[in-house]
Amino acid sequence: MNKIFKTLDEQITILKNKGLIIEDEILAKEILLRENYFFISGYRSLFMKSLVDKKFVVGASFRELYAMFNFDRQVRNILFKNLLIVENNIKSIISYYLSKTYGIKESDYLNPMNFNRAPERSRQVNDLIKKMKRQIHSNTNSHTATAHYNMNYGYIPLWIAVKVLSFGIVSELYNILKPQDQREVAVFFKTDANNLMTYLPVLSNYRNLCAHEEILFDHRAQRKIDDTKFHEILNIPKFNEEYIYGKDDLFSLIIILKQVLRKEDFSMLLSELNYEISRLEGTLKSISIGKVLERMGFPINYMEIEGIEK
């Protein structure tokens, strides 16, 4: 069945017929036009009695729905700037160790012999090297630093090349490093190589989601992180022997950022998140902030993670 175009008046009528209180229809139509009905309605499930009849709970208002939309936007902005810090850190550290160990020219650091030599990794190594070369070459002239090195030296060192490589590519790059090189990078973040291999795709996934303004608060990553001492110390409840929060939800990202960000950066991140949560709580009337936190995968005592040592 094809979707039919709905005017702003029709969109308002649909929301009102489902029980949503709209106090200022002119303002609501302006917001729907500016922000897009589809994306604002992406938060309505929080305010529904059930997903079957799709009726709003008593007292649910457009003001609350829009507050949730703006909350998610602010959380995206907070996380995005911190994910960019981590992305830069990862790129810098990997490029430093590979350049120090294997050389600074493309023919040196992209030599297949420098990567995991397990037979089952051979195809992955070759495919990734091809992807890296493609990204570097296609972006050489569009980036000032790469163009400068290419023009003046005839090659692009890895610490410059990483600027034009996506976080996803760099995540894959870490995955094919030799075990000793993986360990050297992981030590910087005070974790082990296996954890970092899990963390990087999750970080990359959330980074891209934030960059494209996708719905964030209830996103679930494709990979679950291993249990950590943060789960245990925060006394996160379990179901069927597995922690119910902090595995593949937004709080799992917070756990990762706790481990890879500097202490002062993480403290600021947590403070900014707590401010936005408190601000949203002051707006919500028809549902509790606890319902939002549950969908985010945040335990009630989420702020205590700041005081736990890595």
Protein backbone atom coordinates (compact mmCIF):
# COMPACT_ATOMS: atom_id res chain seq x y z
CA MET A 1 0.00 0.00 0.00
CA ASN A 2 1.36 3.44 -0.97
CA LYS A 3 1.59 6.22 1.59
CA ILE A 4 -0.60 9.24 0.86
CA PHE A 5 0.62 12.82 1.30
CA LYS A 6 -0.91 14.53 4.32
CA THR A 7 -1.27 18.29 4.69
CA LEU A 8 -0.29 19.98 7.96
CA ASP A 9 -3.97 20.26 8.91
CA GLU A 10 -4.43 16.53 8.25
CA GLN A 11 -1.35 15.71 10.32
CA ILE A 12 -2.75 17.75 13.23
CA THR A 13 -6.12 15.99 12.89
CA ILE A 14 -4.47 12.55 12.99
CA LEU A 15 -2.60 13.40 16.18
CA LYS A 16 -5.69 14.86 17.85
CA ASN A 17 -7.84 11.86 16.86
CA LYS A 18 -5.31 9.65 18.63
CA GLY A 19 -5.77 11.65 21.83
CA LEU A 20 -2.83 14.08 21.70
CA ILE A 21 -3.50 17.47 23.28
CA ILE A 22 -2.44 20.32 20.99
CA GLU A 23 -2.81 23.67 22.72
CA ASP A 24 -1.37 25.85 19.94
CA GLU A 25 -2.16 24.45 16.50
CA ILE A 26 -0.40 27.25 14.61
CA LEU A 27 2.83 26.61 16.49
CA ALA A 28 2.41 22.84 16.10
CA LYS A 29 2.02 23.18 12.31
CA GLU A 30 5.11 25.36 12.13
CA ILE A 31 7.12 22.76 14.06
CA LEU A 32 5.82 19.90 11.90
CA LEU A 33 6.77 21.79 8.74
CA ARG A 34 10.23 22.70 10.04
CA GLU A 35 11.15 19.42 11.71
CA ASN A 36 9.20 16.78 9.70
CA TYR A 37 6.14 14.89 10.94
CA PHE A 38 7.84 11.52 10.48
CA PHE A 39 10.74 12.29 12.83
CA ILE A 40 8.64 13.94 15.53
CA SER A 41 6.17 11.05 15.45
CA GLY A 42 9.14 8.71 15.95
CA TYR A 43 8.93 9.54 19.66
CA ARG A 44 5.20 8.95 20.07
CA SER A 45 5.53 5.32 21.21
CA LEU A 46 6.69 6.63 24.60
CA PHE A 47 3.32 8.32 25.03
CA MET A 48 1.11 5.53 23.67
CA LYS A 49 -1.26 3.41 25.75
CA SER A 50 -0.31 0.48 23.51
CA LEU A 51 1.19 -0.06 20.09
CA VAL A 52 -1.99 -1.89 19.03
CA ASP A 53 -4.57 0.93 19.04
CA LYS A 54 -1.88 3.67 18.87
CA LYS A 55 -3.82 5.95 21.20
CA PHE A 56 -1.97 8.43 23.42
CA VAL A 57 -2.09 8.15 27.21
CA VAL A 58 -4.41 10.56 28.98
CA GLY A 59 -2.88 14.03 29.18
CA ALA A 60 -0.18 13.48 26.57
CA SER A 61 0.55 16.73 24.75
CA PHE A 62 2.32 17.94 21.63
CA ARG A 63 4.51 20.02 23.94
CA GLU A 64 5.79 16.82 25.58
CA LEU A 65 6.29 15.09 22.24
CA TYR A 66 8.31 18.02 20.91
CA ALA A 67 10.29 18.21 24.17
CA MET A 68 11.27 14.58 23.68
CA PHE A 69 12.32 15.33 20.10
CA ASN A 70 14.49 18.23 21.30
CA PHE A 71 15.90 16.17 24.16
CA ASP A 72 17.08 13.53 21.72
CA ARG A 73 18.64 16.23 19.54
CA GLN A 74 20.55 17.71 22.48
CA VAL A 75 21.76 14.26 23.59
CA ARG A 76 22.93 13.59 20.02
CA ASN A 77 24.87 16.85 20.02
CA ILE A 78 26.52 16.07 23.36
CA LEU A 79 27.50 12.57 22.33
CA PHE A 80 28.58 13.56 18.82
CA LYS A 81 31.21 16.04 19.97
CA ASN A 82 32.62 13.43 22.34
CA LEU A 83 32.54 10.71 19.70
CA LEU A 84 34.55 13.01 17.43
CA ILE A 85 37.15 13.33 20.19
CA VAL A 86 37.38 9.53 20.45
CA GLU A 87 37.52 9.18 16.66
CA ASN A 88 40.43 11.61 16.49
CA ASN A 89 42.20 9.88 19.39
CA ILE A 90 41.86 6.44 17.82
CA LYS A 91 43.09 7.66 14.43
CA SER A 92 46.04 9.48 15.98
CA ILE A 93 47.16 6.57 18.17
CA ILE A 94 46.82 3.91 15.45
CA SER A 95 48.65 6.07 12.90
CA TYR A 96 51.43 6.79 15.40
CA TYR A 97 52.14 3.15 16.25
CA LEU A 98 51.87 1.90 12.66
CA SER A 99 54.10 4.70 11.34
CA LYS A 100 56.66 4.09 14.09
CA THR A 101 56.70 0.34 13.44
CA TYR A 102 56.31 0.05 9.66
CA GLY A 103 57.18 3.41 8.06
CA ILE A 104 55.52 6.59 6.88
CA LYS A 105 54.94 5.96 3.18
CA GLU A 106 51.78 4.38 1.83
CA SER A 107 53.76 1.45 0.43
CA ASP A 108 55.11 0.86 3.95
CA TYR A 109 52.06 1.16 6.20
CA LEU A 110 49.70 -0.51 3.72
CA ASN A 111 51.94 -3.51 3.12
CA PRO A 112 49.79 -6.66 3.71
CA MET A 113 52.69 -8.20 5.64
CA ASN A 114 52.14 -5.64 8.42
CA PHE A 115 48.74 -7.06 9.32
CA ASN A 116 47.28 -10.21 10.85
CA ARG A 117 48.76 -13.10 8.86
CA ALA A 118 46.16 -15.72 9.83
CA PRO A 119 44.97 -17.42 6.60
CA GLU A 120 41.31 -16.73 7.41
CA ARG A 121 42.09 -12.98 7.63
CA SER A 122 43.87 -12.78 4.25
CA ARG A 123 40.83 -11.70 2.22
CA GLN A 124 39.74 -9.21 4.87
CA VAL A 125 43.21 -7.66 4.95
CA ASN A 126 43.42 -7.30 1.16
CA ASP A 127 39.88 -5.92 0.87
CA LEU A 128 40.47 -3.32 3.57
CA ILE A 129 43.77 -2.17 2.08
CA LYS A 130 41.96 -1.62 -1.24
CA LYS A 131 39.21 0.36 0.53
CA MET A 132 41.77 2.49 2.36
CA LYS A 133 43.67 3.26 -0.86
CA ARG A 134 40.38 4.20 -2.55
CA GLN A 135 39.36 6.56 0.24
CA ILE A 136 42.80 8.16 0.42
CA HIS A 137 43.14 8.67 -3.33
CA SER A 138 39.58 9.89 -3.91
CA ASN A 139 39.93 12.51 -1.15
CA THR A 140 43.54 13.58 -1.73
CA ASN A 141 42.81 16.84 -3.53
CA SER A 142 39.75 17.78 -1.47
CA HIS A 143 41.68 17.93 1.81
CA THR A 144 44.34 20.60 2.34
CA ALA A 145 46.82 18.45 4.27
CA THR A 146 46.65 15.42 1.96
CA ALA A 147 46.97 17.64 -1.12
CA HIS A 148 49.99 19.40 0.45
CA TYR A 149 51.86 16.17 1.22
CA ASN A 150 51.01 14.61 -2.11
CA MET A 151 52.19 17.67 -4.04
CA ASN A 152 55.36 18.38 -2.04
CA TYR A 153 56.51 14.91 -0.98
CA GLY A 154 54.82 12.51 -3.38
CA TYR A 155 53.23 10.45 -0.60
CA ILE A 156 50.69 10.83 2.23
CA PRO A 157 51.80 9.66 5.70
CA LEU A 158 49.25 7.74 7.73
CA TRP A 159 48.85 10.48 10.36
CA ILE A 160 47.57 12.70 7.53
CA ALA A 161 45.72 9.95 5.63
CA VAL A 162 43.54 9.09 8.64
CA LYS A 163 41.88 12.50 8.30
CA VAL A 164 40.13 11.28 5.15
CA LEU A 165 39.42 7.75 6.39
CA SER A 166 36.00 7.08 7.92
CA PHE A 167 35.68 5.90 11.50
CA GLY A 168 34.25 2.66 10.14
CA ILE A 169 37.36 2.03 8.05
CA VAL A 170 39.65 2.77 11.00
CA SER A 171 37.56 0.41 13.13
CA GLU A 172 38.12 -2.33 10.55
CA LEU A 173 41.81 -1.42 10.41
CA TYR A 174 42.20 -2.09 14.12
CA ASN A 175 40.50 -5.45 13.64
CA ILE A 176 43.19 -6.65 11.18
CA LEU A 177 46.24 -5.41 13.07
CA LYS A 178 48.69 -7.94 14.41
CA PRO A 179 47.81 -8.92 18.00
CA GLN A 180 50.86 -7.13 19.44
CA ASP A 181 49.89 -3.91 17.65
CA GLN A 182 46.31 -4.23 18.87
CA ARG A 183 47.54 -4.63 22.44
CA GLU A 184 49.75 -1.56 22.18
CA VAL A 185 46.81 0.60 21.09
CA ALA A 186 44.44 -0.92 23.67
CA VAL A 187 46.87 -0.26 26.53
CA PHE A 188 46.54 3.47 25.91
CA PHE A 189 42.82 3.18 26.72
CA LYS A 190 43.46 0.93 29.72
CA THR A 191 41.49 -1.93 28.22
CA ASP A 192 42.31 -5.10 26.31
CA ALA A 193 42.32 -5.73 22.57
CA ASN A 194 39.17 -7.87 22.56
CA ASN A 195 37.17 -5.14 24.28
CA LEU A 196 38.46 -2.46 21.95
CA MET A 197 37.56 -4.60 18.93
CA THR A 198 33.98 -4.69 20.23
CA TYR A 199 33.91 -1.02 21.22
CA LEU A 200 35.10 0.51 17.94
CA PRO A 201 32.19 -0.69 15.72
CA VAL A 202 29.73 0.45 18.40
CA LEU A 203 31.40 3.88 18.58
CA SER A 204 31.40 4.13 14.79
CA ASN A 205 27.73 3.14 14.62
CA TYR A 206 26.66 5.79 17.14
CA ARG A 207 28.92 8.41 15.55
CA ASN A 208 27.19 7.95 12.18
CA LEU A 209 23.75 7.87 13.77
CA CYS A 210 24.45 11.20 15.51
CA ALA A 211 25.90 12.75 12.34
CA HIS A 212 22.73 11.98 10.38
CA GLU A 213 20.25 13.06 13.10
CA GLU A 214 18.69 9.62 13.48
CA ILE A 215 16.57 8.77 16.52
CA LEU A 216 19.08 8.03 19.24
CA PHE A 217 17.57 7.51 22.67
CA ASP A 218 16.31 3.94 22.16
CA HIS A 219 18.78 2.80 19.50
CA ARG A 220 20.20 -0.68 19.94
CA ALA A 221 23.67 -1.50 18.59
CA GLN A 222 24.27 -4.66 16.59
CA ARG A 223 26.94 -5.84 19.03
CA LYS A 224 26.70 -6.33 22.78
CA ILE A 225 29.62 -5.31 24.96
CA ASP A 226 31.02 -7.71 27.55
CA ASP A 227 30.10 -7.38 31.21
CA THR A 228 32.21 -4.80 33.03
CA LYS A 229 32.85 -3.80 36.60
CA PHE A 230 30.58 -0.81 35.95
CA HIS A 231 27.61 -3.17 35.52
CA GLU A 232 28.48 -4.89 38.77
CA ILE A 233 29.22 -1.82 40.90
CA LEU A 234 26.11 -0.01 39.69
CA ASN A 235 24.17 -3.13 40.68
CA ILE A 236 22.36 -3.28 37.35
CA PRO A 237 19.63 -5.96 37.57
CA LYS A 238 19.79 -9.12 35.50
CA PHE A 239 17.27 -11.15 33.53
CA ASN A 240 18.19 -14.71 32.52
CA GLU A 241 21.69 -14.11 33.89
CA GLU A 242 22.25 -11.07 31.64
CA TYR A 243 22.35 -7.42 32.64
CA ILE A 244 19.24 -5.63 31.40
CA TYR A 245 21.02 -2.30 30.88
CA GLY A 246 24.38 -1.34 29.43
CA LYS A 247 24.83 -4.16 26.89
CA ASP A 248 23.66 -2.86 23.49
CA ASP A 249 21.75 0.28 24.46
CA LEU A 250 22.69 3.92 24.90
CA PHE A 251 24.13 3.22 28.35
CA SER A 252 26.54 0.70 26.80
CA LEU A 253 27.90 3.65 24.81
CA ILE A 254 28.26 5.63 28.05
CA ILE A 255 30.23 2.71 29.55
CA ILE A 256 32.53 2.67 26.51
CA LEU A 257 33.03 6.44 26.64
CA LYS A 258 33.84 6.16 30.35
CA GLN A 259 36.74 3.92 29.39
CA VAL A 260 38.07 5.74 26.33
CA LEU A 261 37.58 9.44 27.17
CA ARG A 262 39.77 11.50 29.48
CA LYS A 263 38.34 11.84 32.97
CA GLU A 264 37.55 15.55 32.56
CA ASP A 265 35.86 15.02 29.18
CA PHE A 266 33.69 12.23 30.54
CA SER A 267 32.76 14.29 33.60
CA MET A 268 31.58 17.13 31.36
CA LEU A 269 29.65 14.72 29.13
CA LEU A 270 27.83 13.19 32.09
CA SER A 271 27.05 16.61 33.58
CA GLU A 272 25.57 17.80 30.26
CA LEU A 273 23.48 14.64 29.88
CA ASN A 274 22.18 14.96 33.43
CA TYR A 275 21.17 18.57 32.76
CA GLU A 276 19.16 17.57 29.66
CA ILE A 277 17.50 14.69 31.54
CA SER A 278 16.52 17.04 34.38
CA ARG A 279 15.19 19.61 31.90
CA LEU A 280 13.08 16.97 30.15
CA GLU A 281 11.75 15.70 33.49
CA GLY A 282 10.42 19.20 34.21
CA THR A 283 8.41 19.13 30.97
CA LEU A 284 6.95 15.63 31.15
CA LYS A 285 3.49 15.37 32.72
CA SER A 286 1.77 12.32 31.23
CA ILE A 287 4.72 9.91 31.61
CA SER A 288 7.64 9.68 34.05
CA ILE A 289 11.30 10.33 33.30
CA GLY A 290 11.85 6.75 34.47
CA LYS A 291 10.10 5.48 31.33
CA VAL A 292 12.49 7.47 29.15
CA LEU A 293 15.55 6.28 31.08
CA GLU A 294 14.38 2.67 30.77
CA ARG A 295 14.10 3.00 26.98
CA MET A 296 17.59 4.53 26.94
CA GLY A 297 18.95 1.64 29.00
CA PHE A 298 19.97 4.01 31.81
CA PRO A 299 19.80 2.72 35.39
CA ILE A 300 18.34 5.19 37.88
CA ASN A 301 21.78 5.60 39.50
CA TYR A 302 23.54 6.28 36.17
CA MET A 303 25.40 9.32 37.60
CA GLU A 304 27.37 7.06 39.94
CA ILE A 305 29.44 5.78 37.03
CA GLU A 306 31.49 8.98 37.20
CA GLY A 307 33.00 8.03 40.57
CA ILE A 308 34.00 4.50 39.53
CA GLU A 309 37.67 4.14 38.62
CA LYS A 310 38.50 2.68 35.22
